[in-house]
């Protein structure tokens, strides 16, 4: 056995040992994940609802929580959190859309689950692991491939985040119905979801999904939604075939990444040649380091859908993680061209370019880094890639500034103070970079002093 396979096996064992703690029976913190395709689906679902509520879609941050239970909630700062369990267990897209409409009612009504400083403290150091990165770490141990699995603190129990009154729940239901009518969608999905929760009311609280514990359900609420289904002119309107397929894909993707290979093959057996069946198996084989079968399933999909950015992204990820970075680059380049606003895809492409270690590729990578940071200015992983490029160029000032930004994004304020101070000494005084280092130094210093005083 040569050195690389040996390292792979050791890394897989080490990572699996840590992953078991990422799926606790009772979530003690937030384990957030990033995935371009799932984020896109949630934007497709939510944008019309936000617009109907008079909320700018761009003002709402949507987070995916890696938790198998049924739950969704909103917090201050227009943050919406949706569990993978809700996405996987929802029978139809309209159930997810109905829950989003209800949670939007909480946002519009100011029923934030907890406020200001508490949520900021919980999330300020949170940068999500990329879903592909979870598979990458399982496959190769490259936990830094696209992020790091983190939590928002063991003391933060999800059921303590939320405290809605029955009056707030009723108001959110009424708002949801209004938004669904405004977007000409049926309330059946929301009613059916509430019906699932009704079936849990007889269970002990520890066996109930968090959504039921935090969103008090009553017969009146269910009757209200049932009556809306009877009255609404859109009750017979079903999800479009495109939305249904989108939902099937994200379910397959999440199952492929988050469930065991045995479960994946039971749900999507080899004879299932649907788009979602092949997708789930490709991901599951990849996670199991069965690269030949993973690429076989994926190549079959790409033969049918050559311009699908998410299939291209997955192939690029697989090739990159198994030391075939030069082969990966064209797939990721095409994926970025097809989905230019998908920061997770662009982030992976940057990693591949930086790995090639050439001035030409570094220049391209830096251009993409700048567009990513325009969307996500506190993305620490991307700042680290920038630091690598500036380091190669011998630009000590910008290297140090990038490291300071990365530290700040991770909530390492003391380190950010030190690095930004060094950057100020190295950068031309009065330059935009020097001014940014000065601002960052002050901001990090305030944060660190505040942390120490608590």
Protein backbone atom coordinates (compact mmCIF):
# COMPACT_ATOMS: atom_id res chain seq x y z
CA UNK A 1 0.00 0.00 0.00
CA UNK A 2 1.51 3.34 -1.04
CA UNK A 3 1.45 6.46 1.12
CA UNK A 4 -1.60 8.17 -0.37
CA UNK A 5 -4.13 5.32 0.07
CA UNK A 6 -2.80 4.77 3.57
CA UNK A 7 -3.39 8.42 4.41
CA UNK A 8 -6.86 8.23 2.89
CA UNK A 9 -7.87 5.32 5.09
CA UNK A 10 -6.53 6.98 8.23
CA UNK A 11 -8.32 10.20 7.37
CA UNK A 12 -11.60 8.43 6.69
CA UNK A 13 -11.42 6.67 10.07
CA UNK A 14 -10.56 9.93 11.83
CA UNK A 15 -13.33 11.85 10.14
CA UNK A 16 -16.00 9.22 10.77
CA UNK A 17 -15.03 9.34 14.43
CA UNK A 18 -15.87 13.03 14.49
CA UNK A 19 -18.91 12.90 12.23
CA UNK A 20 -20.80 10.70 14.69
CA UNK A 21 -21.02 13.77 16.92
CA UNK A 22 -22.46 15.88 14.11
CA UNK A 23 -25.75 13.99 14.17
CA UNK A 24 -26.86 13.95 17.82
CA UNK A 25 -30.30 12.70 18.85
CA UNK A 26 -30.92 16.08 20.44
CA UNK A 27 -29.20 18.89 18.61
CA UNK A 28 -27.15 20.90 21.07
CA UNK A 29 -26.02 23.51 18.56
CA UNK A 30 -26.33 24.59 14.95
CA UNK A 31 -24.50 22.49 12.40
CA UNK A 32 -24.85 24.51 9.22
CA UNK A 33 -24.09 23.29 5.72
CA UNK A 34 -23.69 25.03 2.37
CA UNK A 35 -24.79 23.64 -0.95
CA UNK A 36 -25.32 25.68 -4.09
CA UNK A 37 -28.14 23.54 -5.46
CA UNK A 38 -30.12 23.35 -2.22
CA UNK A 39 -29.66 27.07 -1.64
CA UNK A 40 -30.90 27.70 -5.18
CA UNK A 41 -33.99 25.55 -4.57
CA UNK A 42 -34.80 27.40 -1.36
CA UNK A 43 -34.47 30.71 -3.18
CA UNK A 44 -36.84 29.48 -5.89
CA UNK A 45 -39.34 28.47 -3.19
CA UNK A 46 -38.99 31.58 -1.05
CA UNK A 47 -38.51 34.54 -3.40
CA UNK A 48 -42.19 34.89 -4.44
CA UNK A 49 -43.25 34.52 -0.80
CA UNK A 50 -40.82 37.19 0.41
CA UNK A 51 -41.98 39.53 -2.35
CA UNK A 52 -45.64 38.96 -1.42
CA UNK A 53 -44.73 39.86 2.17
CA UNK A 54 -43.05 43.08 1.06
CA UNK A 55 -39.63 41.77 2.13
CA UNK A 56 -36.63 42.08 -0.16
CA UNK A 57 -35.44 38.52 -0.90
CA UNK A 58 -31.85 39.76 -0.79
CA UNK A 59 -32.35 40.93 2.79
CA UNK A 60 -33.14 37.43 4.06
CA UNK A 61 -30.29 35.02 4.81
CA UNK A 62 -31.34 31.38 4.52
CA UNK A 63 -29.33 28.80 6.44
CA UNK A 64 -29.49 25.02 6.06
CA UNK A 65 -29.23 23.21 9.38
CA UNK A 66 -27.81 19.69 9.26
CA UNK A 67 -30.41 18.11 11.53
CA UNK A 68 -32.71 15.18 10.77
CA UNK A 69 -35.66 16.54 12.74
CA UNK A 70 -38.55 18.54 11.29
CA UNK A 71 -37.82 22.15 12.06
CA UNK A 72 -37.58 25.66 10.67
CA UNK A 73 -37.32 28.98 12.46
CA UNK A 74 -36.43 32.63 12.03
CA UNK A 75 -34.33 34.96 14.13
CA UNK A 76 -33.48 38.62 14.28
CA UNK A 77 -31.59 40.06 11.35
CA UNK A 78 -33.93 38.40 8.80
CA UNK A 79 -32.34 34.99 9.23
CA UNK A 80 -34.28 31.87 8.31
CA UNK A 81 -33.09 28.37 9.27
CA UNK A 82 -34.41 25.20 7.63
CA UNK A 83 -33.49 21.69 8.77
CA UNK A 84 -32.34 19.05 6.30
CA UNK A 85 -34.87 16.77 8.01
CA UNK A 86 -37.70 19.03 6.89
CA UNK A 87 -36.44 19.07 3.31
CA UNK A 88 -35.98 15.30 3.18
CA UNK A 89 -39.26 14.37 4.88
CA UNK A 90 -41.48 16.82 3.04
CA UNK A 91 -43.60 14.84 0.59
CA UNK A 92 -44.05 17.76 -1.78
CA UNK A 93 -42.37 21.10 -2.49
CA UNK A 94 -45.59 22.81 -1.40
CA UNK A 95 -45.05 21.55 2.16
CA UNK A 96 -41.66 23.28 2.28
CA UNK A 97 -43.11 26.40 0.62
CA UNK A 98 -45.95 26.43 3.14
CA UNK A 99 -43.50 26.30 6.05
CA UNK A 100 -41.44 29.09 4.45
CA UNK A 101 -44.63 31.15 4.11
CA UNK A 102 -45.42 30.58 7.79
CA UNK A 103 -41.91 31.51 8.89
CA UNK A 104 -42.07 34.59 6.66
CA UNK A 105 -45.18 35.52 8.61
CA UNK A 106 -43.07 35.44 11.75
CA UNK A 107 -40.46 37.64 10.09
CA UNK A 108 -43.00 40.15 8.82
CA UNK A 109 -44.77 40.14 12.17
CA UNK A 110 -41.59 40.72 14.15
CA UNK A 111 -41.96 37.40 16.03
CA UNK A 112 -38.23 36.78 16.10
CA UNK A 113 -37.24 33.74 18.08
CA UNK A 114 -34.54 35.51 20.00
CA UNK A 115 -33.08 38.92 19.54
CA UNK A 116 -30.08 41.02 18.70
CA UNK A 117 -26.97 40.17 20.59
CA UNK A 118 -27.90 36.59 21.46
CA UNK A 119 -28.28 35.45 17.88
CA UNK A 120 -25.29 37.50 16.76
CA UNK A 121 -23.16 35.85 19.42
CA UNK A 122 -24.40 32.44 18.32
CA UNK A 123 -23.71 32.99 14.63
CA UNK A 124 -20.81 35.41 14.37
CA UNK A 125 -18.20 32.67 14.36
CA UNK A 126 -20.35 30.36 12.27
CA UNK A 127 -19.23 29.55 8.77
CA UNK A 128 -20.98 26.57 7.29
CA UNK A 129 -19.34 23.46 5.95
CA UNK A 130 -20.03 22.86 2.30
CA UNK A 131 -22.17 19.80 1.67
CA UNK A 132 -19.71 18.59 -0.96
CA UNK A 133 -16.99 19.18 1.60
CA UNK A 134 -18.70 16.75 3.98
CA UNK A 135 -18.43 14.09 1.30
CA UNK A 136 -14.91 15.18 0.50
CA UNK A 137 -13.81 14.84 4.10
CA UNK A 138 -15.39 11.41 4.31
CA UNK A 139 -13.72 10.38 1.11
CA UNK A 140 -10.29 11.88 1.59
CA UNK A 141 -10.01 13.54 4.95
CA UNK A 142 -9.61 16.98 3.36
CA UNK A 143 -11.69 18.77 5.93
CA UNK A 144 -10.42 22.10 4.63
CA UNK A 145 -11.60 21.35 1.11
CA UNK A 146 -14.52 23.71 1.35
CA UNK A 147 -15.15 24.54 4.96
CA UNK A 148 -15.20 23.08 8.44
CA UNK A 149 -18.09 21.56 10.33
CA UNK A 150 -18.86 23.80 13.26
CA UNK A 151 -21.61 24.44 15.75
CA UNK A 152 -22.98 27.56 17.36
CA UNK A 153 -22.05 26.35 20.82
CA UNK A 154 -22.98 23.34 22.87
CA UNK A 155 -25.00 25.48 25.25
CA UNK A 156 -27.45 26.47 22.53
CA UNK A 157 -30.25 23.93 22.53
CA UNK A 158 -32.54 24.48 19.55
CA UNK A 159 -35.69 24.08 21.56
CA UNK A 160 -34.60 27.00 23.73
CA UNK A 161 -34.11 29.25 20.71
CA UNK A 162 -37.79 29.45 19.98
CA UNK A 163 -40.73 30.71 21.95
CA UNK A 164 -43.76 31.58 19.87
CA UNK A 165 -47.15 32.21 21.45
CA UNK A 166 -50.35 30.73 20.09
CA UNK A 167 -51.36 34.23 19.04
CA UNK A 168 -48.15 34.62 17.07
CA UNK A 169 -48.67 31.23 15.46
CA UNK A 170 -52.18 32.16 14.44
CA UNK A 171 -50.97 35.46 13.01
CA UNK A 172 -48.21 33.68 11.07
CA UNK A 173 -50.76 31.21 9.67
CA UNK A 174 -52.96 34.07 8.49
CA UNK A 175 -49.98 35.78 6.90
CA UNK A 176 -48.88 32.52 5.22
CA UNK A 177 -52.33 32.06 3.71
CA UNK A 178 -52.22 35.64 2.43
CA UNK A 179 -48.82 35.12 0.81
CA UNK A 180 -49.82 31.80 -0.74
CA UNK A 181 -52.94 33.35 -2.26
CA UNK A 182 -50.94 36.33 -3.51
CA UNK A 183 -48.57 33.95 -5.30
CA UNK A 184 -51.45 31.75 -6.52
CA UNK A 185 -50.33 28.71 -4.55
CA UNK A 186 -52.31 26.19 -2.54
CA UNK A 187 -52.26 26.03 1.26
CA UNK A 188 -52.55 22.24 1.10
CA UNK A 189 -48.84 21.80 1.70
CA UNK A 190 -48.89 23.83 4.92
CA UNK A 191 -52.06 22.09 6.09
CA UNK A 192 -50.62 18.67 5.37
CA UNK A 193 -47.41 19.54 7.21
CA UNK A 194 -49.45 20.62 10.23
CA UNK A 195 -51.33 17.34 9.93
CA UNK A 196 -48.05 15.46 10.34
CA UNK A 197 -47.33 17.47 13.47
CA UNK A 198 -50.81 16.78 14.84
CA UNK A 199 -49.95 13.10 14.78
CA UNK A 200 -47.08 13.78 17.17
CA UNK A 201 -49.07 15.61 19.82
CA UNK A 202 -49.71 12.39 21.73
CA UNK A 203 -45.96 11.68 21.96
CA UNK A 204 -43.77 12.63 24.89
CA UNK A 205 -42.12 15.98 24.26
CA UNK A 206 -38.67 14.44 23.82
CA UNK A 207 -40.05 12.35 20.95
CA UNK A 208 -41.69 15.27 19.19
CA UNK A 209 -40.05 17.18 16.38
CA UNK A 210 -38.72 20.58 17.53
CA UNK A 211 -41.14 22.40 15.24
CA UNK A 212 -44.11 21.18 17.27
CA UNK A 213 -42.48 22.08 20.58
CA UNK A 214 -41.61 25.60 19.45
CA UNK A 215 -44.67 26.33 17.28
CA UNK A 216 -47.72 25.54 19.45
CA UNK A 217 -50.34 23.70 17.42
CA UNK A 218 -54.04 23.81 18.16
CA UNK A 219 -57.17 22.35 16.62
CA UNK A 220 -58.20 25.90 15.73
CA UNK A 221 -55.02 26.42 13.73
CA UNK A 222 -55.48 23.20 11.81
CA UNK A 223 -59.15 23.99 11.18
CA UNK A 224 -58.21 27.45 9.90
CA UNK A 225 -55.81 25.96 7.34
CA UNK A 226 -58.26 23.22 6.39
CA UNK A 227 -60.93 25.85 5.83
CA UNK A 228 -58.53 27.88 3.69
CA UNK A 229 -57.96 24.82 1.49
CA UNK A 230 -61.74 24.54 1.03
CA UNK A 231 -62.15 28.24 0.17
CA UNK A 232 -59.05 29.17 -1.80
CA UNK A 233 -59.37 29.36 -5.59
CA UNK A 234 -55.86 27.91 -5.80
CA UNK A 235 -56.38 24.80 -3.67
CA UNK A 236 -56.38 22.48 -6.67
CA UNK A 237 -53.23 24.02 -8.04
CA UNK A 238 -50.33 21.57 -7.85
CA UNK A 239 -46.58 22.05 -7.92
CA UNK A 240 -45.14 22.42 -11.40
CA UNK A 241 -43.17 19.47 -12.82
CA UNK A 242 -40.02 21.60 -12.65
CA UNK A 243 -40.49 22.35 -8.95
CA UNK A 244 -41.30 18.71 -8.21
CA UNK A 245 -38.11 17.58 -9.95
CA UNK A 246 -36.09 20.24 -8.15
CA UNK A 247 -37.41 18.90 -4.84
CA UNK A 248 -36.63 15.31 -5.81
CA UNK A 249 -33.07 16.30 -6.62
CA UNK A 250 -32.33 18.09 -3.38
CA UNK A 251 -33.86 15.20 -1.42
CA UNK A 252 -31.68 12.75 -3.33
CA UNK A 253 -28.62 14.91 -2.78
CA UNK A 254 -29.17 15.29 0.95
CA UNK A 255 -29.93 11.59 1.36
CA UNK A 256 -26.84 10.70 -0.67
CA UNK A 257 -24.58 12.85 1.48
CA UNK A 258 -26.14 12.40 4.88
CA UNK A 259 -27.45 8.82 4.99
CA UNK A 260 -25.55 5.55 5.04
CA UNK A 261 -24.82 3.77 1.77
CA UNK A 262 -27.21 0.97 2.77
CA UNK A 263 -30.06 3.44 3.26
CA UNK A 264 -29.28 5.19 0.00
CA UNK A 265 -29.39 1.94 -1.96
CA UNK A 266 -32.65 0.92 -0.29
CA UNK A 267 -34.26 4.20 -1.27
CA UNK A 268 -32.59 4.38 -4.70
CA UNK A 269 -31.78 0.81 -5.82
CA UNK A 270 -29.52 0.25 -8.85
CA UNK A 271 -32.48 -0.41 -11.10
CA UNK A 272 -33.78 3.10 -10.41
CA UNK A 273 -32.49 4.98 -13.43
CA UNK A 274 -34.29 8.23 -12.65
CA UNK A 275 -32.30 11.43 -12.50
CA UNK A 276 -32.55 11.56 -8.72
CA UNK A 277 -31.77 7.84 -8.34
CA UNK A 278 -28.52 8.09 -10.26
CA UNK A 279 -27.65 11.32 -8.44
CA UNK A 280 -28.08 9.85 -4.97
CA UNK A 281 -26.06 6.74 -5.83
CA UNK A 282 -23.25 8.78 -7.41
CA UNK A 283 -22.94 10.80 -4.22
CA UNK A 284 -23.13 7.74 -1.99
CA UNK A 285 -20.48 5.89 -4.00
CA UNK A 286 -18.27 8.98 -3.82
CA UNK A 287 -18.63 9.10 -0.05
CA UNK A 288 -17.69 5.43 0.09
CA UNK A 289 -14.61 6.12 -2.08
CA UNK A 290 -16.04 3.88 -4.81
CA UNK A 291 -14.95 6.37 -7.43
CA UNK A 292 -15.41 4.14 -10.46
CA UNK A 293 -19.11 3.63 -9.71
CA UNK A 294 -19.53 7.27 -8.68
CA UNK A 295 -18.14 8.48 -11.99
CA UNK A 296 -20.13 5.88 -13.92
CA UNK A 297 -23.40 7.16 -12.46
CA UNK A 298 -22.34 10.78 -12.88
CA UNK A 299 -21.17 10.35 -16.46
CA UNK A 300 -24.55 8.84 -17.23
CA UNK A 301 -26.21 11.97 -15.86
CA UNK A 302 -23.86 14.29 -17.74
CA UNK A 303 -24.54 12.44 -20.97
CA UNK A 304 -28.24 13.30 -20.50
CA UNK A 305 -27.73 16.73 -18.92
CA UNK A 306 -24.37 18.12 -20.14
CA UNK A 307 -25.14 21.69 -19.03
CA UNK A 308 -26.26 20.96 -15.50
CA UNK A 309 -23.99 23.05 -13.23
CA UNK A 310 -24.56 20.87 -10.17
CA UNK A 311 -23.64 17.61 -11.91
CA UNK A 312 -20.57 19.38 -13.28
CA UNK A 313 -19.76 20.65 -9.80
CA UNK A 314 -19.96 17.15 -8.34
CA UNK A 315 -17.71 15.69 -11.03
CA UNK A 316 -15.19 18.47 -10.45
CA UNK A 317 -15.28 17.81 -6.71
CA UNK A 318 -14.73 14.07 -7.14
CA UNK A 319 -11.83 14.51 -9.52
CA UNK A 320 -10.23 17.18 -7.34
CA UNK A 321 -10.51 15.20 -4.14
CA UNK A 322 -8.85 12.22 -5.77
CA UNK A 323 -5.79 14.11 -6.98
CA UNK A 324 -7.06 14.84 -10.48
CA UNK A 325 -7.28 18.60 -10.15
CA UNK A 326 -6.28 19.43 -13.71
CA UNK A 327 -9.12 17.21 -14.98
CA UNK A 328 -11.50 18.84 -12.50
CA UNK A 329 -10.86 22.44 -13.56
CA UNK A 330 -12.79 22.41 -16.90
CA UNK A 331 -15.89 20.93 -15.25
CA UNK A 332 -15.85 23.55 -12.51
CA UNK A 333 -15.12 26.35 -14.94
CA UNK A 334 -18.19 25.37 -16.95
CA UNK A 335 -20.27 25.04 -13.76
CA UNK A 336 -19.26 28.57 -12.72
CA UNK A 337 -20.20 29.89 -16.16
CA UNK A 338 -23.62 28.22 -15.91
CA UNK A 339 -24.26 29.31 -12.31
CA UNK A 340 -22.21 32.50 -11.87
CA UNK A 341 -23.92 33.53 -8.62
CA UNK A 342 -23.36 30.19 -6.87
CA UNK A 343 -20.64 31.06 -4.36
CA UNK A 344 -20.09 27.44 -3.19
CA UNK A 345 -19.27 26.31 -6.75
CA UNK A 346 -16.99 29.28 -7.31
CA UNK A 347 -15.26 28.60 -3.99
CA UNK A 348 -14.46 25.05 -5.03
CA UNK A 349 -13.16 26.27 -8.38
CA UNK A 350 -10.87 28.71 -6.57
CA UNK A 351 -9.43 25.88 -4.51
CA UNK A 352 -8.71 23.86 -7.64
CA UNK A 353 -7.02 26.83 -9.32
CA UNK A 354 -4.91 27.63 -6.25
CA UNK A 355 -3.89 23.99 -5.99
CA UNK A 356 -2.37 24.18 -9.47
CA UNK A 357 0.15 26.70 -8.13
CA UNK A 358 0.73 28.76 -11.24
CA UNK A 359 0.77 32.57 -11.60
CA UNK A 360 -1.78 32.42 -14.42
CA UNK A 361 -4.22 30.30 -12.39
CA UNK A 362 -3.66 32.45 -9.31
CA UNK A 363 -4.70 35.52 -11.28
CA UNK A 364 -7.93 33.82 -12.37
CA UNK A 365 -8.54 32.57 -8.83
CA UNK A 366 -8.08 36.05 -7.37
CA UNK A 367 -10.67 37.47 -9.77
CA UNK A 368 -13.18 34.87 -8.57
CA UNK A 369 -12.20 35.49 -4.95
CA UNK A 370 -13.10 39.13 -5.33
CA UNK A 371 -16.56 38.28 -6.69
CA UNK A 372 -17.17 35.76 -3.89
CA UNK A 373 -16.14 38.26 -1.23
CA UNK A 374 -18.47 40.85 -2.75
CA UNK A 375 -21.28 38.41 -1.85
CA UNK A 376 -19.78 36.98 1.33
CA UNK A 377 -17.23 39.41 2.77
CA UNK A 378 -16.63 37.39 5.94
CA UNK A 379 -15.97 34.03 4.28
CA UNK A 380 -12.81 32.87 6.09
CA UNK A 381 -12.00 29.98 3.77
CA UNK A 382 -11.94 32.26 0.76
CA UNK A 383 -9.75 34.78 2.59
CA UNK A 384 -7.29 31.97 3.32
CA UNK A 385 -7.07 31.20 -0.39
CA UNK A 386 -6.40 34.89 -1.03
CA UNK A 387 -3.63 34.80 1.58
CA UNK A 388 -1.99 31.88 -0.24
CA UNK A 389 -1.98 33.78 -3.54
CA UNK A 390 -0.64 37.01 -2.01
CA UNK A 391 2.01 34.98 -0.20
CA UNK A 392 3.19 33.44 -3.43
CA UNK A 393 3.48 36.90 -4.91
CA UNK A 394 5.57 38.10 -2.00
CA UNK A 395 2.98 40.70 -1.01
CA UNK A 396 3.40 40.54 2.75
CA UNK A 397 0.98 43.35 3.47
CA UNK A 398 -1.94 41.84 1.59
CA UNK A 399 -1.09 38.35 2.85
CA UNK A 400 -1.29 39.56 6.43
CA UNK A 401 -4.49 41.51 5.77
CA UNK A 402 -6.11 38.42 4.23
CA UNK A 403 -5.10 36.35 7.27
CA UNK A 404 -6.59 39.04 9.51
CA UNK A 405 -9.86 38.89 7.55
CA UNK A 406 -9.90 35.11 7.82
CA UNK A 407 -9.35 35.28 11.58
CA UNK A 408 -12.12 37.84 11.97
CA UNK A 409 -14.49 35.69 9.92
CA UNK A 410 -13.81 32.79 12.27
CA UNK A 411 -14.41 34.92 15.35
CA UNK A 412 -10.72 34.78 16.33
CA UNK A 413 -10.67 38.44 17.27
CA UNK A 414 -7.40 38.48 19.21
CA UNK A 415 -5.62 36.97 16.22
CA UNK A 416 -7.39 39.43 13.90
CA UNK A 417 -6.11 42.33 16.04
CA UNK A 418 -2.53 41.08 15.79
CA UNK A 419 -2.65 40.34 12.06
CA UNK A 420 -4.41 43.58 11.12
CA UNK A 421 -1.88 45.50 13.21
CA UNK A 422 0.94 43.87 11.29
CA UNK A 423 -0.84 44.61 8.01
CA UNK A 424 -0.98 48.32 8.89
CA UNK A 425 2.79 48.30 9.36
CA UNK A 426 3.38 46.57 6.02
CA UNK A 427 0.86 48.33 3.76
CA UNK A 428 1.34 51.81 2.27
CA UNK A 429 -0.12 54.29 4.74
CA UNK A 430 -3.36 55.80 3.55
CA UNK A 431 -3.94 53.15 0.84
CA UNK A 432 -7.38 51.46 0.65
CA UNK A 433 -5.86 48.24 2.04
CA UNK A 434 -4.23 50.16 4.93
CA UNK A 435 -7.54 51.85 5.73
CA UNK A 436 -9.29 48.48 5.69
CA UNK A 437 -6.63 47.03 8.02
CA UNK A 438 -7.19 49.97 10.37
CA UNK A 439 -10.97 49.51 10.37
CA UNK A 440 -10.59 45.76 10.89
CA UNK A 441 -8.15 46.32 13.74
CA UNK A 442 -10.61 48.60 15.53
CA UNK A 443 -13.58 46.27 14.93
CA UNK A 444 -11.69 43.18 16.09
CA UNK A 445 -10.36 45.02 19.15
CA UNK A 446 -13.89 46.03 20.16
CA UNK A 447 -15.15 42.49 19.72
CA UNK A 448 -12.29 41.02 21.72
CA UNK A 449 -12.72 43.48 24.59
CA UNK A 450 -16.44 42.76 24.64
CA UNK A 451 -15.75 39.04 24.72
CA UNK A 452 -13.34 39.40 27.65
CA UNK A 453 -15.76 41.53 29.64
CA UNK A 454 -18.50 38.91 29.55
